[in-house]
Amino acid sequence: MSDLQLAFREAFVWRLGQPGAAGTLRVFGDLLFDLLNESGQWGPASDEDSMVRELRAHTRDLEHTLRDLERVAEHLHESDDQEETALADRIGGWVGRISLVLLDMKRNFECREEEPKESKP
């Protein structure tokens, strides 16, 4: 199994409570990733560069992660513990910074979509 599990994120896998279930899902994810890689089936046919499509997917993943982090920060802010409150503030700061980067990425995608497509000969 790879060190960088690409198919299933930890934010989902940790919820599996049955012993061994998370490991099984990770192994399946690695297998699925390898099979798609070997067969060249990297999503629907597109004229768009595969790295751009991958970046678009990471953007969606980050959006979900940021919402989760905002929820965690709100929970930590309710704590009487100063360390948890300080952590919530740091999380909030990073969420804001990453949100700005995501906004820039989305604008970049929108500009790409608005560009006129060249016809193929």
C-alpha atoms as a PDB file:
ATOM      1  CA  MET A   1       0.000   0.000   0.000  1.00  0.00           C
ATOM      2  CA  SER A   2       1.314   3.442  -0.884  1.00  0.00           C
ATOM      3  CA  ASP A   3       2.281   6.064   1.671  1.00  0.00           C
ATOM      4  CA  LEU A   4       0.108   8.541  -0.230  1.00  0.00           C
ATOM      5  CA  GLN A   5      -3.322   6.923  -0.333  1.00  0.00           C
ATOM      6  CA  LEU A   6      -4.923   8.598  -3.329  1.00  0.00           C
ATOM      7  CA  ALA A   7      -8.301   6.900  -3.593  1.00  0.00           C
ATOM      8  CA  PHE A   8      -9.891   7.388  -0.171  1.00  0.00           C
ATOM      9  CA  ARG A   9      -9.080  10.270   2.129  1.00  0.00           C
ATOM     10  CA  GLU A  10      -8.505   9.801   5.859  1.00  0.00           C
ATOM     11  CA  ALA A  11     -11.305  12.282   6.551  1.00  0.00           C
ATOM     12  CA  PHE A  12     -13.658   9.538   5.347  1.00  0.00           C
ATOM     13  CA  VAL A  13     -11.832   6.312   6.244  1.00  0.00           C
ATOM     14  CA  TRP A  14     -11.455   7.051   9.969  1.00  0.00           C
ATOM     15  CA  ARG A  15     -15.243   6.750  10.343  1.00  0.00           C
ATOM     16  CA  LEU A  16     -15.131   3.003   9.662  1.00  0.00           C
ATOM     17  CA  GLY A  17     -15.319   1.451  13.103  1.00  0.00           C
ATOM     18  CA  GLN A  18     -15.070  -2.250  12.302  1.00  0.00           C
ATOM     19  CA  PRO A  19     -11.535  -3.583  12.895  1.00  0.00           C
ATOM     20  CA  GLY A  20      -9.695  -3.953   9.597  1.00  0.00           C
ATOM     21  CA  ALA A  21     -12.359  -2.161   7.536  1.00  0.00           C
ATOM     22  CA  ALA A  22     -10.292   0.989   7.015  1.00  0.00           C
ATOM     23  CA  GLY A  23      -7.240  -1.037   5.975  1.00  0.00           C
ATOM     24  CA  THR A  24      -9.308  -3.091   3.560  1.00  0.00           C
ATOM     25  CA  LEU A  25     -10.748   0.045   1.992  1.00  0.00           C
ATOM     26  CA  ARG A  26      -7.255   1.545   1.653  1.00  0.00           C
ATOM     27  CA  VAL A  27      -5.986  -1.601  -0.105  1.00  0.00           C
ATOM     28  CA  PHE A  28      -8.998  -1.514  -2.439  1.00  0.00           C
ATOM     29  CA  GLY A  29      -8.360   2.180  -3.103  1.00  0.00           C
ATOM     30  CA  ASP A  30      -4.736   1.488  -4.023  1.00  0.00           C
ATOM     31  CA  LEU A  31      -5.835  -1.357  -6.300  1.00  0.00           C
ATOM     32  CA  LEU A  32      -8.455   0.809  -7.991  1.00  0.00           C
ATOM     33  CA  PHE A  33      -5.954   3.656  -8.437  1.00  0.00           C
ATOM     34  CA  ASP A  34      -3.345   1.284  -9.930  1.00  0.00           C
ATOM     35  CA  LEU A  35      -5.885  -0.330 -12.274  1.00  0.00           C
ATOM     36  CA  LEU A  36      -7.060   3.042 -13.562  1.00  0.00           C
ATOM     37  CA  ASN A  37      -3.478   4.201 -13.942  1.00  0.00           C
ATOM     38  CA  GLU A  38      -2.422   1.109 -15.883  1.00  0.00           C
ATOM     39  CA  SER A  39      -5.458   1.137 -18.159  1.00  0.00           C
ATOM     40  CA  GLY A  40      -5.146   4.859 -18.890  1.00  0.00           C
ATOM     41  CA  GLN A  41      -8.735   5.454 -17.758  1.00  0.00           C
ATOM     42  CA  TRP A  42      -8.218   8.840 -16.168  1.00  0.00           C
ATOM     43  CA  GLY A  43     -11.769  10.054 -16.243  1.00  0.00           C
ATOM     44  CA  PRO A  44     -13.949  11.076 -19.142  1.00  0.00           C
ATOM     45  CA  ALA A  45     -12.367  11.955 -22.469  1.00  0.00           C
ATOM     46  CA  SER A  46     -11.478  15.621 -22.499  1.00  0.00           C
ATOM     47  CA  ASP A  47      -9.327  18.126 -24.351  1.00  0.00           C
ATOM     48  CA  GLU A  48      -8.366  19.563 -20.981  1.00  0.00           C
ATOM     49  CA  ASP A  49      -4.937  18.701 -19.582  1.00  0.00           C
ATOM     50  CA  SER A  50      -5.096  15.867 -17.032  1.00  0.00           C
ATOM     51  CA  MET A  51      -3.148  17.917 -14.471  1.00  0.00           C
ATOM     52  CA  VAL A  52      -5.765  20.682 -14.723  1.00  0.00           C
ATOM     53  CA  ARG A  53      -8.509  18.101 -14.159  1.00  0.00           C
ATOM     54  CA  GLU A  54      -6.585  16.724 -11.189  1.00  0.00           C
ATOM     55  CA  LEU A  55      -6.152  20.228  -9.775  1.00  0.00           C
ATOM     56  CA  ARG A  56      -9.893  20.816 -10.187  1.00  0.00           C
ATOM     57  CA  ALA A  57     -10.557  17.616  -8.198  1.00  0.00           C
ATOM     58  CA  HIS A  58      -8.131  18.706  -5.465  1.00  0.00           C
ATOM     59  CA  THR A  59      -9.991  21.997  -5.309  1.00  0.00           C
ATOM     60  CA  ARG A  60     -13.222  20.152  -4.529  1.00  0.00           C
ATOM     61  CA  ASP A  61     -11.428  18.001  -1.938  1.00  0.00           C
ATOM     62  CA  LEU A  62     -10.000  21.097  -0.269  1.00  0.00           C
ATOM     63  CA  GLU A  63     -13.405  22.762  -0.194  1.00  0.00           C
ATOM     64  CA  HIS A  64     -14.766  19.803   1.776  1.00  0.00           C
ATOM     65  CA  THR A  65     -11.730  19.790   4.068  1.00  0.00           C
ATOM     66  CA  LEU A  66     -12.073  23.502   4.757  1.00  0.00           C
ATOM     67  CA  ARG A  67     -15.738  23.116   5.709  1.00  0.00           C
ATOM     68  CA  ASP A  68     -14.759  20.319   8.099  1.00  0.00           C
ATOM     69  CA  LEU A  69     -11.986  22.454   9.596  1.00  0.00           C
ATOM     70  CA  GLU A  70     -14.383  25.371  10.071  1.00  0.00           C
ATOM     71  CA  ARG A  71     -16.727  23.038  11.943  1.00  0.00           C
ATOM     72  CA  VAL A  72     -13.858  21.779  14.135  1.00  0.00           C
ATOM     73  CA  ALA A  73     -12.695  25.342  14.840  1.00  0.00           C
ATOM     74  CA  GLU A  74     -16.215  26.354  15.892  1.00  0.00           C
ATOM     75  CA  HIS A  75     -16.313  23.395  18.265  1.00  0.00           C
ATOM     76  CA  LEU A  76     -12.890  24.244  19.718  1.00  0.00           C
ATOM     77  CA  HIS A  77     -13.908  27.892  20.216  1.00  0.00           C
ATOM     78  CA  GLU A  78     -16.658  26.692  22.556  1.00  0.00           C
ATOM     79  CA  SER A  79     -14.027  25.163  24.840  1.00  0.00           C
ATOM     80  CA  ASP A  80     -12.812  26.754  28.069  1.00  0.00           C
ATOM     81  CA  ASP A  81      -9.316  25.422  27.321  1.00  0.00           C
ATOM     82  CA  GLN A  82      -7.002  28.229  26.137  1.00  0.00           C
ATOM     83  CA  GLU A  83      -4.895  25.839  24.036  1.00  0.00           C
ATOM     84  CA  GLU A  84      -7.981  24.629  22.161  1.00  0.00           C
ATOM     85  CA  THR A  85      -9.144  28.199  21.603  1.00  0.00           C
ATOM     86  CA  ALA A  86      -5.677  29.150  20.302  1.00  0.00           C
ATOM     87  CA  LEU A  87      -5.735  26.129  17.979  1.00  0.00           C
ATOM     88  CA  ALA A  88      -9.172  27.174  16.724  1.00  0.00           C
ATOM     89  CA  ASP A  89      -7.779  30.634  15.930  1.00  0.00           C
ATOM     90  CA  ARG A  90      -4.835  29.136  14.012  1.00  0.00           C
ATOM     91  CA  ILE A  91      -7.166  26.810  12.107  1.00  0.00           C
ATOM     92  CA  GLY A  92      -9.396  29.764  11.249  1.00  0.00           C
ATOM     93  CA  GLY A  93      -6.413  31.701   9.935  1.00  0.00           C
ATOM     94  CA  TRP A  94      -5.322  28.855   7.680  1.00  0.00           C
ATOM     95  CA  VAL A  95      -8.861  28.242   6.486  1.00  0.00           C
ATOM     96  CA  GLY A  96      -9.005  31.886   5.407  1.00  0.00           C
ATOM     97  CA  ARG A  97      -5.667  31.734   3.595  1.00  0.00           C
ATOM     98  CA  ILE A  98      -6.449  28.493   1.795  1.00  0.00           C
ATOM     99  CA  SER A  99      -9.906  29.796   0.881  1.00  0.00           C
ATOM    100  CA  LEU A 100      -8.242  32.697  -0.945  1.00  0.00           C
ATOM    101  CA  VAL A 101      -6.032  30.272  -2.879  1.00  0.00           C
ATOM    102  CA  LEU A 102      -9.096  28.185  -3.784  1.00  0.00           C
ATOM    103  CA  LEU A 103     -10.866  31.294  -5.003  1.00  0.00           C
ATOM    104  CA  ASP A 104      -7.896  32.077  -7.255  1.00  0.00           C
ATOM    105  CA  MET A 105      -7.910  28.503  -8.550  1.00  0.00           C
ATOM    106  CA  LYS A 106     -11.620  28.664  -9.351  1.00  0.00           C
ATOM    107  CA  ARG A 107     -11.140  31.957 -11.186  1.00  0.00           C
ATOM    108  CA  ASN A 108      -8.380  30.321 -13.199  1.00  0.00           C
ATOM    109  CA  PHE A 109     -10.712  27.453 -14.124  1.00  0.00           C
ATOM    110  CA  GLU A 110     -13.458  29.878 -15.134  1.00  0.00           C
ATOM    111  CA  CYS A 111     -11.035  31.773 -17.375  1.00  0.00           C
ATOM    112  CA  ARG A 112     -10.000  28.497 -19.028  1.00  0.00           C
ATOM    113  CA  GLU A 113     -13.635  27.605 -19.662  1.00  0.00           C
ATOM    114  CA  GLU A 114     -14.299  31.002 -21.252  1.00  0.00           C
ATOM    115  CA  GLU A 115     -11.344  30.729 -23.645  1.00  0.00           C
ATOM    116  CA  PRO A 116     -12.381  29.900 -27.199  1.00  0.00           C
ATOM    117  CA  LYS A 117     -11.670  26.302 -28.113  1.00  0.00           C
ATOM    118  CA  GLU A 118      -9.498  25.609 -31.138  1.00  0.00           C
ATOM    119  CA  SER A 119     -11.070  23.207 -33.573  1.00  0.00           C
ATOM    120  CA  LYS A 120      -9.126  20.066 -34.331  1.00  0.00           C
ATOM    121  CA  PRO A 121      -8.126  19.437 -37.962  1.00  0.00           C
END
